[in-house]
Amino acid sequence: MNIHQIEQRILINELMNKQSVTKQMLADALIANGHCGIDPLPVKNTVRMNMIALQRKCKELGFVLYTINIGGPAGTDYAITEEAIKHIGFNYAEPQYDEMGQMIGQLYLFPEFSQGEEE
């Protein structure tokens, strides 16, 4: 599996679940999932690289993933667009259930892996 795609899925899920996030929140999500070290600069660079890659992938699909606010009170803010919420939510959402069969949330499987990578 491609490590960048795994990181991108983590970032997409964080963005879809919170709607508006700071670069630090995205970095914390990568750290919590064990995909980066705890040194802040490389993690933030990883976030920036993956967010740019995701924006390009979404433009190829015909929609804008996020709007960006640089220099806000908490640093760089990413806000997902309504168009992205609809597209990703409709096409890539996988419901998650607890042991009682109650839906507890959704996992967004975007970007897609190739068939060989999923196995």
PDB file of N, CA and C in Angstrom:
ATOM      1  N   MET A   1       0.836  -1.183   0.000  1.00  0.00           N
ATOM      2  CA  MET A   1       0.000   0.000   0.000  1.00  0.00           C
ATOM      3  C   MET A   1       0.878   1.243   0.000  1.00  0.00           C
ATOM      4  N   ASN A   2       0.393   2.272  -0.591  1.00  0.00           N
ATOM      5  CA  ASN A   2       1.102   3.532  -0.678  1.00  0.00           C
ATOM      6  C   ASN A   2       0.892   4.328   0.616  1.00  0.00           C
ATOM      7  N   ILE A   3       1.963   4.664   1.294  1.00  0.00           N
ATOM      8  CA  ILE A   3       1.869   5.370   2.574  1.00  0.00           C
ATOM      9  C   ILE A   3       1.193   6.727   2.417  1.00  0.00           C
ATOM     10  N   HIS A   4       1.409   7.379   1.276  1.00  0.00           N
ATOM     11  CA  HIS A   4       0.790   8.688   1.060  1.00  0.00           C
ATOM     12  C   HIS A   4      -0.732   8.573   0.964  1.00  0.00           C
ATOM     13  N   GLN A   5      -1.216   7.511   0.349  1.00  0.00           N
ATOM     14  CA  GLN A   5      -2.669   7.325   0.268  1.00  0.00           C
ATOM     15  C   GLN A   5      -3.271   7.037   1.638  1.00  0.00           C
ATOM     16  N   ILE A   6      -2.556   6.309   2.465  1.00  0.00           N
ATOM     17  CA  ILE A   6      -3.041   6.055   3.824  1.00  0.00           C
ATOM     18  C   ILE A   6      -3.093   7.366   4.599  1.00  0.00           C
ATOM     19  N   GLU A   7      -2.046   8.167   4.494  1.00  0.00           N
ATOM     20  CA  GLU A   7      -2.039   9.472   5.156  1.00  0.00           C
ATOM     21  C   GLU A   7      -3.164  10.353   4.637  1.00  0.00           C
ATOM     22  N   GLN A   8      -3.410  10.309   3.332  1.00  0.00           N
ATOM     23  CA  GLN A   8      -4.481  11.111   2.743  1.00  0.00           C
ATOM     24  C   GLN A   8      -5.846  10.670   3.242  1.00  0.00           C
ATOM     25  N   ARG A   9      -6.047   9.375   3.434  1.00  0.00           N
ATOM     26  CA  ARG A   9      -7.318   8.900   3.993  1.00  0.00           C
ATOM     27  C   ARG A   9      -7.512   9.408   5.419  1.00  0.00           C
ATOM     28  N   ILE A  10      -6.439   9.425   6.189  1.00  0.00           N
ATOM     29  CA  ILE A  10      -6.527   9.948   7.557  1.00  0.00           C
ATOM     30  C   ILE A  10      -6.937  11.416   7.510  1.00  0.00           C
ATOM     31  N   LEU A  11      -6.310  12.189   6.634  1.00  0.00           N
ATOM     32  CA  LEU A  11      -6.613  13.619   6.527  1.00  0.00           C
ATOM     33  C   LEU A  11      -8.042  13.857   6.042  1.00  0.00           C
ATOM     34  N   ILE A  12      -8.481  13.089   5.041  1.00  0.00           N
ATOM     35  CA  ILE A  12      -9.857  13.234   4.534  1.00  0.00           C
ATOM     36  C   ILE A  12     -10.860  12.930   5.630  1.00  0.00           C
ATOM     37  N   ASN A  13     -10.636  11.869   6.386  1.00  0.00           N
ATOM     38  CA  ASN A  13     -11.572  11.511   7.454  1.00  0.00           C
ATOM     39  C   ASN A  13     -11.626  12.598   8.522  1.00  0.00           C
ATOM     40  N   GLU A  14     -10.495  13.158   8.863  1.00  0.00           N
ATOM     41  CA  GLU A  14     -10.469  14.243   9.845  1.00  0.00           C
ATOM     42  C   GLU A  14     -11.218  15.461   9.310  1.00  0.00           C
ATOM     43  N   LEU A  15     -10.990  15.787   8.057  1.00  0.00           N
ATOM     44  CA  LEU A  15     -11.652  16.938   7.438  1.00  0.00           C
ATOM     45  C   LEU A  15     -13.156  16.708   7.291  1.00  0.00           C
ATOM     46  N   MET A  16     -13.558  15.519   6.874  1.00  0.00           N
ATOM     47  CA  MET A  16     -14.993  15.222   6.712  1.00  0.00           C
ATOM     48  C   MET A  16     -15.711  15.214   8.060  1.00  0.00           C
ATOM     49  N   ASN A  17     -15.076  14.714   9.094  1.00  0.00           N
ATOM     50  CA  ASN A  17     -15.723  14.623  10.401  1.00  0.00           C
ATOM     51  C   ASN A  17     -15.801  15.959  11.127  1.00  0.00           C
ATOM     52  N   LYS A  18     -14.827  16.829  10.911  1.00  0.00           N
ATOM     53  CA  LYS A  18     -14.800  18.103  11.643  1.00  0.00           C
ATOM     54  C   LYS A  18     -15.173  19.305  10.789  1.00  0.00           C
ATOM     55  N   GLN A  19     -15.206  19.164   9.477  1.00  0.00           N
ATOM     56  CA  GLN A  19     -15.601  20.200   8.514  1.00  0.00           C
ATOM     57  C   GLN A  19     -14.594  21.338   8.371  1.00  0.00           C
ATOM     58  N   SER A  20     -13.996  21.777   9.445  1.00  0.00           N
ATOM     59  CA  SER A  20     -12.992  22.836   9.398  1.00  0.00           C
ATOM     60  C   SER A  20     -11.906  22.487  10.407  1.00  0.00           C
ATOM     61  N   VAL A  21     -10.666  22.429   9.932  1.00  0.00           N
ATOM     62  CA  VAL A  21      -9.567  22.004  10.796  1.00  0.00           C
ATOM     63  C   VAL A  21      -8.339  22.875  10.554  1.00  0.00           C
ATOM     64  N   THR A  22      -7.488  22.926  11.561  1.00  0.00           N
ATOM     65  CA  THR A  22      -6.210  23.615  11.413  1.00  0.00           C
ATOM     66  C   THR A  22      -5.163  22.606  10.953  1.00  0.00           C
ATOM     67  N   LYS A  23      -4.061  23.135  10.476  1.00  0.00           N
ATOM     68  CA  LYS A  23      -2.962  22.257  10.076  1.00  0.00           C
ATOM     69  C   LYS A  23      -2.479  21.440  11.272  1.00  0.00           C
ATOM     70  N   GLN A  24      -2.496  22.051  12.471  1.00  0.00           N
ATOM     71  CA  GLN A  24      -2.064  21.340  13.670  1.00  0.00           C
ATOM     72  C   GLN A  24      -3.002  20.177  13.990  1.00  0.00           C
ATOM     73  N   MET A  25      -4.308  20.361  13.814  1.00  0.00           N
ATOM     74  CA  MET A  25      -5.266  19.278  14.057  1.00  0.00           C
ATOM     75  C   MET A  25      -5.018  18.117  13.104  1.00  0.00           C
ATOM     76  N   LEU A  26      -4.711  18.432  11.854  1.00  0.00           N
ATOM     77  CA  LEU A  26      -4.413  17.374  10.882  1.00  0.00           C
ATOM     78  C   LEU A  26      -3.099  16.676  11.240  1.00  0.00           C
ATOM     79  N   ALA A  27      -2.112  17.448  11.673  1.00  0.00           N
ATOM     80  CA  ALA A  27      -0.836  16.859  12.095  1.00  0.00           C
ATOM     81  C   ALA A  27      -1.052  15.939  13.290  1.00  0.00           C
ATOM     82  N   ASP A  28      -1.881  16.369  14.239  1.00  0.00           N
ATOM     83  CA  ASP A  28      -2.175  15.537  15.412  1.00  0.00           C
ATOM     84  C   ASP A  28      -2.861  14.230  15.005  1.00  0.00           C
ATOM     85  N   ALA A  29      -3.732  14.284  13.987  1.00  0.00           N
ATOM     86  CA  ALA A  29      -4.408  13.071  13.514  1.00  0.00           C
ATOM     87  C   ALA A  29      -3.403  12.092  12.921  1.00  0.00           C
ATOM     88  N   LEU A  30      -2.433  12.594  12.162  1.00  0.00           N
ATOM     89  CA  LEU A  30      -1.398  11.713  11.602  1.00  0.00           C
ATOM     90  C   LEU A  30      -0.550  11.097  12.715  1.00  0.00           C
ATOM     91  N   ILE A  31      -0.194  11.910  13.698  1.00  0.00           N
ATOM     92  CA  ILE A  31       0.613  11.406  14.816  1.00  0.00           C
ATOM     93  C   ILE A  31      -0.163  10.350  15.594  1.00  0.00           C
ATOM     94  N   ALA A  32      -1.449  10.610  15.857  1.00  0.00           N
ATOM     95  CA  ALA A  32      -2.277   9.673  16.619  1.00  0.00           C
ATOM     96  C   ALA A  32      -2.432   8.338  15.905  1.00  0.00           C
ATOM     97  N   ASN A  33      -2.384   8.362  14.575  1.00  0.00           N
ATOM     98  CA  ASN A  33      -2.503   7.129  13.804  1.00  0.00           C
ATOM     99  C   ASN A  33      -1.149   6.485  13.535  1.00  0.00           C
ATOM    100  N   GLY A  34      -0.088   7.069  14.062  1.00  0.00           N
ATOM    101  CA  GLY A  34       1.234   6.460  13.963  1.00  0.00           C
ATOM    102  C   GLY A  34       1.900   6.590  12.613  1.00  0.00           C
ATOM    103  N   HIS A  35       1.494   7.562  11.812  1.00  0.00           N
ATOM    104  CA  HIS A  35       2.071   7.685  10.475  1.00  0.00           C
ATOM    105  C   HIS A  35       3.172   8.716  10.377  1.00  0.00           C
ATOM    106  N   CYS A  36       3.459   9.405  11.451  1.00  0.00           N
ATOM    107  CA  CYS A  36       4.543  10.390  11.470  1.00  0.00           C
ATOM    108  C   CYS A  36       5.166  10.396  12.852  1.00  0.00           C
ATOM    109  N   GLY A  37       6.352  10.924  12.908  1.00  0.00           N
ATOM    110  CA  GLY A  37       6.986  11.119  14.202  1.00  0.00           C
ATOM    111  C   GLY A  37       6.325  12.287  14.920  1.00  0.00           C
ATOM    112  N   ILE A  38       6.830  12.625  16.077  1.00  0.00           N
ATOM    113  CA  ILE A  38       6.202  13.700  16.843  1.00  0.00           C
ATOM    114  C   ILE A  38       6.891  15.046  16.639  1.00  0.00           C
ATOM    115  N   ASP A  39       7.903  15.104  15.783  1.00  0.00           N
ATOM    116  CA  ASP A  39       8.570  16.369  15.487  1.00  0.00           C
ATOM    117  C   ASP A  39       7.628  17.226  14.642  1.00  0.00           C
ATOM    118  N   PRO A  40       7.261  18.434  15.105  1.00  0.00           N
ATOM    119  CA  PRO A  40       6.185  19.190  14.464  1.00  0.00           C
ATOM    120  C   PRO A  40       6.452  19.643  13.034  1.00  0.00           C
ATOM    121  N   LEU A  41       7.668  20.046  12.682  1.00  0.00           N
ATOM    122  CA  LEU A  41       7.906  20.576  11.353  1.00  0.00           C
ATOM    123  C   LEU A  41       7.729  19.527  10.248  1.00  0.00           C
ATOM    124  N   PRO A  42       8.356  18.347  10.342  1.00  0.00           N
ATOM    125  CA  PRO A  42       8.126  17.352   9.292  1.00  0.00           C
ATOM    126  C   PRO A  42       6.661  16.916   9.176  1.00  0.00           C
ATOM    127  N   VAL A  43       5.955  16.858  10.293  1.00  0.00           N
ATOM    128  CA  VAL A  43       4.548  16.453  10.251  1.00  0.00           C
ATOM    129  C   VAL A  43       3.724  17.513   9.519  1.00  0.00           C
ATOM    130  N   LYS A  44       3.971  18.767   9.814  1.00  0.00           N
ATOM    131  CA  LYS A  44       3.226  19.836   9.133  1.00  0.00           C
ATOM    132  C   LYS A  44       3.554  19.874   7.648  1.00  0.00           C
ATOM    133  N   ASN A  45       4.806  19.565   7.285  1.00  0.00           N
ATOM    134  CA  ASN A  45       5.163  19.483   5.873  1.00  0.00           C
ATOM    135  C   ASN A  45       4.432  18.325   5.201  1.00  0.00           C
ATOM    136  N   THR A  46       4.293  17.211   5.908  1.00  0.00           N
ATOM    137  CA  THR A  46       3.547  16.063   5.389  1.00  0.00           C
ATOM    138  C   THR A  46       2.086  16.427   5.176  1.00  0.00           C
ATOM    139  N   VAL A  47       1.513  17.163   6.122  1.00  0.00           N
ATOM    140  CA  VAL A  47       0.122  17.612   5.983  1.00  0.00           C
ATOM    141  C   VAL A  47      -0.016  18.477   4.746  1.00  0.00           C
ATOM    142  N   ARG A  48       0.857  19.469   4.612  1.00  0.00           N
ATOM    143  CA  ARG A  48       0.772  20.377   3.458  1.00  0.00           C
ATOM    144  C   ARG A  48       0.905  19.613   2.140  1.00  0.00           C
ATOM    145  N   MET A  49       1.872  18.710   2.052  1.00  0.00           N
ATOM    146  CA  MET A  49       2.091  17.936   0.830  1.00  0.00           C
ATOM    147  C   MET A  49       0.857  17.109   0.474  1.00  0.00           C
ATOM    148  N   ASN A  50       0.295  16.423   1.469  1.00  0.00           N
ATOM    149  CA  ASN A  50      -0.858  15.563   1.207  1.00  0.00           C
ATOM    150  C   ASN A  50      -2.118  16.369   0.903  1.00  0.00           C
ATOM    151  N   MET A  51      -2.298  17.515   1.531  1.00  0.00           N
ATOM    152  CA  MET A  51      -3.471  18.341   1.244  1.00  0.00           C
ATOM    153  C   MET A  51      -3.407  18.903  -0.170  1.00  0.00           C
ATOM    154  N   ILE A  52      -2.220  19.271  -0.629  1.00  0.00           N
ATOM    155  CA  ILE A  52      -2.061  19.733  -2.010  1.00  0.00           C
ATOM    156  C   ILE A  52      -2.368  18.595  -2.976  1.00  0.00           C
ATOM    157  N   ALA A  53      -1.856  17.402  -2.683  1.00  0.00           N
ATOM    158  CA  ALA A  53      -2.110  16.234  -3.544  1.00  0.00           C
ATOM    159  C   ALA A  53      -3.608  15.907  -3.593  1.00  0.00           C
ATOM    160  N   LEU A  54      -4.279  15.975  -2.447  1.00  0.00           N
ATOM    161  CA  LEU A  54      -5.721  15.707  -2.416  1.00  0.00           C
ATOM    162  C   LEU A  54      -6.501  16.752  -3.213  1.00  0.00           C
ATOM    163  N   GLN A  55      -6.112  18.014  -3.087  1.00  0.00           N
ATOM    164  CA  GLN A  55      -6.795  19.070  -3.840  1.00  0.00           C
ATOM    165  C   GLN A  55      -6.667  18.810  -5.342  1.00  0.00           C
ATOM    166  N   ARG A  56      -5.492  18.386  -5.773  1.00  0.00           N
ATOM    167  CA  ARG A  56      -5.281  18.086  -7.198  1.00  0.00           C
ATOM    168  C   ARG A  56      -6.126  16.892  -7.645  1.00  0.00           C
ATOM    169  N   LYS A  57      -6.188  15.852  -6.825  1.00  0.00           N
ATOM    170  CA  LYS A  57      -7.015  14.692  -7.170  1.00  0.00           C
ATOM    171  C   LYS A  57      -8.478  15.090  -7.309  1.00  0.00           C
ATOM    172  N   CYS A  58      -8.940  15.937  -6.402  1.00  0.00           N
ATOM    173  CA  CYS A  58     -10.340  16.362  -6.435  1.00  0.00           C
ATOM    174  C   CYS A  58     -10.621  17.248  -7.640  1.00  0.00           C
ATOM    175  N   LYS A  59      -9.675  18.096  -8.009  1.00  0.00           N
ATOM    176  CA  LYS A  59      -9.860  18.928  -9.204  1.00  0.00           C
ATOM    177  C   LYS A  59     -10.002  18.060 -10.442  1.00  0.00           C
ATOM    178  N   GLU A  60      -9.246  16.952 -10.505  1.00  0.00           N
ATOM    179  CA  GLU A  60      -9.374  16.016 -11.623  1.00  0.00           C
ATOM    180  C   GLU A  60     -10.761  15.387 -11.661  1.00  0.00           C
ATOM    181  N   LEU A  61     -11.381  15.223 -10.487  1.00  0.00           N
ATOM    182  CA  LEU A  61     -12.730  14.661 -10.399  1.00  0.00           C
ATOM    183  C   LEU A  61     -13.813  15.721 -10.594  1.00  0.00           C
ATOM    184  N   GLY A  62     -13.424  16.992 -10.675  1.00  0.00           N
ATOM    185  CA  GLY A  62     -14.362  18.051 -10.989  1.00  0.00           C
ATOM    186  C   GLY A  62     -14.912  18.837  -9.807  1.00  0.00           C
ATOM    187  N   PHE A  63     -14.256  18.787  -8.663  1.00  0.00           N
ATOM    188  CA  PHE A  63     -14.709  19.593  -7.528  1.00  0.00           C
ATOM    189  C   PHE A  63     -13.518  20.072  -6.705  1.00  0.00           C
ATOM    190  N   VAL A  64     -13.756  21.105  -5.917  1.00  0.00           N
ATOM    191  CA  VAL A  64     -12.731  21.660  -5.033  1.00  0.00           C
ATOM    192  C   VAL A  64     -12.910  21.040  -3.663  1.00  0.00           C
ATOM    193  N   LEU A  65     -11.834  20.525  -3.087  1.00  0.00           N
ATOM    194  CA  LEU A  65     -11.912  19.838  -1.797  1.00  0.00           C
ATOM    195  C   LEU A  65     -12.077  20.807  -0.639  1.00  0.00           C
ATOM    196  N   TYR A  66     -11.266  21.836  -0.581  1.00  0.00           N
ATOM    197  CA  TYR A  66     -11.278  22.727   0.582  1.00  0.00           C
ATOM    198  C   TYR A  66     -10.965  24.160   0.178  1.00  0.00           C
ATOM    199  N   THR A  67     -11.330  25.057   1.067  1.00  0.00           N
ATOM    200  CA  THR A  67     -10.860  26.434   0.993  1.00  0.00           C
ATOM    201  C   THR A  67      -9.837  26.584   2.104  1.00  0.00           C
ATOM    202  N   ILE A  68      -8.917  27.489   1.915  1.00  0.00           N
ATOM    203  CA  ILE A  68      -7.825  27.629   2.870  1.00  0.00           C
ATOM    204  C   ILE A  68      -7.765  29.064   3.376  1.00  0.00           C
ATOM    205  N   ASN A  69      -7.496  29.209   4.658  1.00  0.00           N
ATOM    206  CA  ASN A  69      -7.305  30.506   5.285  1.00  0.00           C
ATOM    207  C   ASN A  69      -5.930  30.496   5.926  1.00  0.00           C
ATOM    208  N   ILE A  70      -5.005  31.197   5.309  1.00  0.00           N
ATOM    209  CA  ILE A  70      -3.637  31.233   5.815  1.00  0.00           C
ATOM    210  C   ILE A  70      -3.494  32.430   6.746  1.00  0.00           C
ATOM    211  N   GLY A  71      -2.899  32.212   7.890  1.00  0.00           N
ATOM    212  CA  GLY A  71      -2.624  33.302   8.813  1.00  0.00           C
ATOM    213  C   GLY A  71      -3.761  33.628   9.762  1.00  0.00           C
ATOM    214  N   GLY A  72      -4.672  32.686   9.950  1.00  0.00           N
ATOM    215  CA  GLY A  72      -5.733  32.879  10.925  1.00  0.00           C
ATOM    216  C   GLY A  72      -5.170  32.803  12.335  1.00  0.00           C
ATOM    217  N   PRO A  73      -6.010  32.964  13.333  1.00  0.00           N
ATOM    218  CA  PRO A  73      -5.525  32.942  14.711  1.00  0.00           C
ATOM    219  C   PRO A  73      -4.848  31.628  15.109  1.00  0.00           C
ATOM    220  N   ALA A  74      -5.270  30.525  14.515  1.00  0.00           N
ATOM    221  CA  ALA A  74      -4.681  29.220  14.848  1.00  0.00           C
ATOM    222  C   ALA A  74      -3.719  28.743  13.766  1.00  0.00           C
ATOM    223  N   GLY A  75      -3.340  29.614  12.837  1.00  0.00           N
ATOM    224  CA  GLY A  75      -2.460  29.213  11.747  1.00  0.00           C
ATOM    225  C   GLY A  75      -3.272  28.969  10.487  1.00  0.00           C
ATOM    226  N   THR A  76      -2.905  27.950   9.739  1.00  0.00           N
ATOM    227  CA  THR A  76      -3.582  27.624   8.490  1.00  0.00           C
ATOM    228  C   THR A  76      -4.832  26.800   8.781  1.00  0.00           C
ATOM    229  N   ASP A  77      -5.973  27.266   8.249  1.00  0.00           N
ATOM    230  CA  ASP A  77      -7.243  26.565   8.418  1.00  0.00           C
ATOM    231  C   ASP A  77      -7.703  25.996   7.081  1.00  0.00           C
ATOM    232  N   TYR A  78      -8.178  24.759   7.116  1.00  0.00           N
ATOM    233  CA  TYR A  78      -8.766  24.120   5.945  1.00  0.00           C
ATOM    234  C   TYR A  78     -10.248  23.905   6.222  1.00  0.00           C
ATOM    235  N   ALA A  79     -11.102  24.349   5.307  1.00  0.00           N
ATOM    236  CA  ALA A  79     -12.546  24.148   5.442  1.00  0.00           C
ATOM    237  C   ALA A  79     -13.033  23.389   4.212  1.00  0.00           C
ATOM    238  N   ILE A  80     -13.648  22.250   4.429  1.00  0.00           N
ATOM    239  CA  ILE A  80     -14.128  21.431   3.324  1.00  0.00           C
ATOM    240  C   ILE A  80     -15.318  22.114   2.653  1.00  0.00           C
ATOM    241  N   THR A  81     -15.416  21.991   1.338  1.00  0.00           N
ATOM    242  CA  THR A  81     -16.511  22.619   0.603  1.00  0.00           C
ATOM    243  C   THR A  81     -17.747  21.716   0.632  1.00  0.00           C
ATOM    244  N   GLU A  82     -18.913  22.315   0.457  1.00  0.00           N
ATOM    245  CA  GLU A  82     -20.163  21.547   0.411  1.00  0.00           C
ATOM    246  C   GLU A  82     -20.138  20.531  -0.728  1.00  0.00           C
ATOM    247  N   GLU A  83     -19.572  20.945  -1.850  1.00  0.00           N
ATOM    248  CA  GLU A  83     -19.459  20.067  -3.011  1.00  0.00           C
ATOM    249  C   GLU A  83     -18.636  18.820  -2.683  1.00  0.00           C
ATOM    250  N   ALA A  84     -17.551  18.997  -1.946  1.00  0.00           N
ATOM    251  CA  ALA A  84     -16.698  17.873  -1.549  1.00  0.00           C
ATOM    252  C   ALA A  84     -17.417  16.964  -0.556  1.00  0.00           C
ATOM    253  N   ILE A  85     -18.152  17.570   0.391  1.00  0.00           N
ATOM    254  CA  ILE A  85     -18.904  16.777   1.360  1.00  0.00           C
ATOM    255  C   ILE A  85     -19.890  15.865   0.640  1.00  0.00           C
ATOM    256  N   LYS A  86     -20.604  16.414  -0.329  1.00  0.00           N
ATOM    257  CA  LYS A  86     -21.591  15.624  -1.077  1.00  0.00           C
ATOM    258  C   LYS A  86     -20.913  14.527  -1.887  1.00  0.00           C
ATOM    259  N   HIS A  87     -19.866  14.876  -2.615  1.00  0.00           N
ATOM    260  CA  HIS A  87     -19.208  13.904  -3.485  1.00  0.00           C
ATOM    261  C   HIS A  87     -18.560  12.772  -2.686  1.00  0.00           C
ATOM    262  N   ILE A  88     -17.772  13.117  -1.695  1.00  0.00           N
ATOM    263  CA  ILE A  88     -17.073  12.093  -0.907  1.00  0.00           C
ATOM    264  C   ILE A  88     -18.059  11.309  -0.051  1.00  0.00           C
ATOM    265  N   GLY A  89     -19.016  12.007   0.556  1.00  0.00           N
ATOM    266  CA  GLY A  89     -20.012  11.332   1.386  1.00  0.00           C
ATOM    267  C   GLY A  89     -20.875  10.357   0.599  1.00  0.00           C
ATOM    268  N   PHE A  90     -21.234  10.716  -0.617  1.00  0.00           N
ATOM    269  CA  PHE A  90     -22.093   9.855  -1.438  1.00  0.00           C
ATOM    270  C   PHE A  90     -21.321   8.691  -2.046  1.00  0.00           C
ATOM    271  N   ASN A  91     -20.094   8.929  -2.469  1.00  0.00           N
ATOM    272  CA  ASN A  91     -19.345   7.923  -3.217  1.00  0.00           C
ATOM    273  C   ASN A  91     -18.363   7.080  -2.413  1.00  0.00           C
ATOM    274  N   TYR A  92     -17.939   7.559  -1.261  1.00  0.00           N
ATOM    275  CA  TYR A  92     -16.845   6.877  -0.566  1.00  0.00           C
ATOM    276  C   TYR A  92     -17.121   6.574   0.906  1.00  0.00           C
ATOM    277  N   ALA A  93     -18.325   6.810   1.385  1.00  0.00           N
ATOM    278  CA  ALA A  93     -18.637   6.588   2.799  1.00  0.00           C
ATOM    279  C   ALA A  93     -18.887   5.105   3.072  1.00  0.00           C
ATOM    280  N   GLU A  94     -18.327   4.628   4.153  1.00  0.00           N
ATOM    281  CA  GLU A  94     -18.529   3.251   4.616  1.00  0.00           C
ATOM    282  C   GLU A  94     -19.024   3.328   6.054  1.00  0.00           C
ATOM    283  N   PRO A  95     -20.284   2.936   6.321  1.00  0.00           N
ATOM    284  CA  PRO A  95     -20.804   3.041   7.688  1.00  0.00           C
ATOM    285  C   PRO A  95     -20.035   2.144   8.663  1.00  0.00           C
ATOM    286  N   GLN A  96     -19.903   2.621   9.901  1.00  0.00           N
ATOM    287  CA  GLN A  96     -19.241   1.876  10.962  1.00  0.00           C
ATOM    288  C   GLN A  96     -20.268   1.588  12.055  1.00  0.00           C
ATOM    289  N   TYR A  97     -20.275   0.350  12.549  1.00  0.00           N
ATOM    290  CA  TYR A  97     -21.269  -0.080  13.536  1.00  0.00           C
ATOM    291  C   TYR A  97     -20.589  -0.560  14.812  1.00  0.00           C
ATOM    292  N   ASP A  98     -21.281  -0.406  15.941  1.00  0.00           N
ATOM    293  CA  ASP A  98     -20.768  -0.943  17.196  1.00  0.00           C
ATOM    294  C   ASP A  98     -21.218  -2.396  17.343  1.00  0.00           C
ATOM    295  N   GLU A  99     -20.870  -3.015  18.470  1.00  0.00           N
ATOM    296  CA  GLU A  99     -21.202  -4.427  18.688  1.00  0.00           C
ATOM    297  C   GLU A  99     -22.701  -4.681  18.800  1.00  0.00           C
ATOM    298  N   MET A 100     -23.495  -3.642  19.054  1.00  0.00           N
ATOM    299  CA  MET A 100     -24.959  -3.780  19.148  1.00  0.00           C
ATOM    300  C   MET A 100     -25.647  -3.545  17.802  1.00  0.00           C
ATOM    301  N   GLY A 101     -24.873  -3.265  16.766  1.00  0.00           N
ATOM    302  CA  GLY A 101     -25.438  -3.043  15.451  1.00  0.00           C
ATOM    303  C   GLY A 101     -25.885  -1.615  15.189  1.00  0.00           C
ATOM    304  N   GLN A 102     -25.577  -0.704  16.100  1.00  0.00           N
ATOM    305  CA  GLN A 102     -25.932   0.703  15.929  1.00  0.00           C
ATOM    306  C   GLN A 102     -24.836   1.415  15.136  1.00  0.00           C
ATOM    307  N   MET A 103     -25.250   2.218  14.182  1.00  0.00           N
ATOM    308  CA  MET A 103     -24.277   2.974  13.402  1.00  0.00           C
ATOM    309  C   MET A 103     -23.634   4.037  14.299  1.00  0.00           C
ATOM    310  N   ILE A 104     -22.310   4.054  14.323  1.00  0.00           N
ATOM    311  CA  ILE A 104     -21.601   4.996  15.186  1.00  0.00           C
ATOM    312  C   ILE A 104     -20.832   6.044  14.395  1.00  0.00           C
ATOM    313  N   GLY A 105     -20.800   5.924  13.107  1.00  0.00           N
ATOM    314  CA  GLY A 105     -20.083   6.898  12.290  1.00  0.00           C
ATOM    315  C   GLY A 105     -19.817   6.352  10.907  1.00  0.00           C
ATOM    316  N   GLN A 106     -19.017   7.095  10.169  1.00  0.00           N
ATOM    317  CA  GLN A 106     -18.659   6.677   8.824  1.00  0.00           C
ATOM    318  C   GLN A 106     -17.164   6.810   8.629  1.00  0.00           C
ATOM    319  N   LEU A 107     -16.636   5.930   7.799  1.00  0.00           N
ATOM    320  CA  LEU A 107     -15.248   5.971   7.395  1.00  0.00           C
ATOM    321  C   LEU A 107     -15.259   6.315   5.918  1.00  0.00           C
ATOM    322  N   TYR A 108     -14.441   7.254   5.525  1.00  0.00           N
ATOM    323  CA  TYR A 108     -14.417   7.696   4.129  1.00  0.00           C
ATOM    324  C   TYR A 108     -13.218   7.084   3.434  1.00  0.00           C
ATOM    325  N   LEU A 109     -13.481   6.256   2.437  1.00  0.00           N
ATOM    326  CA  LEU A 109     -12.447   5.497   1.747  1.00  0.00           C
ATOM    327  C   LEU A 109     -11.993   6.232   0.494  1.00  0.00           C
ATOM    328  N   PHE A 110     -11.506   7.436   0.693  1.00  0.00           N
ATOM    329  CA  PHE A 110     -11.007   8.260  -0.402  1.00  0.00           C
ATOM    330  C   PHE A 110      -9.622   8.740  -0.010  1.00  0.00           C
ATOM    331  N   PRO A 111      -8.624   8.720  -0.855  1.00  0.00           N
ATOM    332  CA  PRO A 111      -8.665   8.266  -2.235  1.00  0.00           C
ATOM    333  C   PRO A 111      -8.713   6.740  -2.326  1.00  0.00           C
ATOM    334  N   GLU A 112      -9.226   6.291  -3.445  1.00  0.00           N
ATOM    335  CA  GLU A 112      -9.371   4.850  -3.645  1.00  0.00           C
ATOM    336  C   GLU A 112      -8.005   4.219  -3.862  1.00  0.00           C
ATOM    337  N   PHE A 113      -7.831   3.012  -3.350  1.00  0.00           N
ATOM    338  CA  PHE A 113      -6.665   2.208  -3.674  1.00  0.00           C
ATOM    339  C   PHE A 113      -7.028   1.361  -4.893  1.00  0.00           C
ATOM    340  N   SER A 114      -6.010   0.922  -5.605  1.00  0.00           N
ATOM    341  CA  SER A 114      -6.284   0.000  -6.698  1.00  0.00           C
ATOM    342  C   SER A 114      -6.689  -1.344  -6.096  1.00  0.00           C
ATOM    343  N   GLN A 115      -7.264  -2.208  -6.879  1.00  0.00           N
ATOM    344  CA  GLN A 115      -7.742  -3.502  -6.394  1.00  0.00           C
ATOM    345  C   GLN A 115      -6.631  -4.298  -5.737  1.00  0.00           C
ATOM    346  N   GLY A 116      -5.436  -4.278  -6.311  1.00  0.00           N
ATOM    347  CA  GLY A 116      -4.310  -5.015  -5.749  1.00  0.00           C
ATOM    348  C   GLY A 116      -3.832  -4.446  -4.435  1.00  0.00           C
ATOM    349  N   GLU A 117      -3.961  -3.132  -4.243  1.00  0.00           N
ATOM    350  CA  GLU A 117      -3.515  -2.508  -3.016  1.00  0.00           C
ATOM    351  C   GLU A 117      -4.456  -2.778  -1.864  1.00  0.00           C
ATOM    352  N   GLU A 118      -5.747  -2.968  -2.124  1.00  0.00           N
ATOM    353  CA  GLU A 118      -6.727  -3.219  -1.069  1.00  0.00           C
ATOM    354  C   GLU A 118      -6.533  -4.585  -0.442  1.00  0.00           C
ATOM    355  N   GLU A 119      -6.018  -5.538  -1.181  1.00  0.00           N
ATOM    356  CA  GLU A 119      -5.888  -6.912  -0.701  1.00  0.00           C
ATOM    357  C   GLU A 119      -4.669  -7.101   0.162  1.00  0.00           C
TER     358      GLU A 119
END
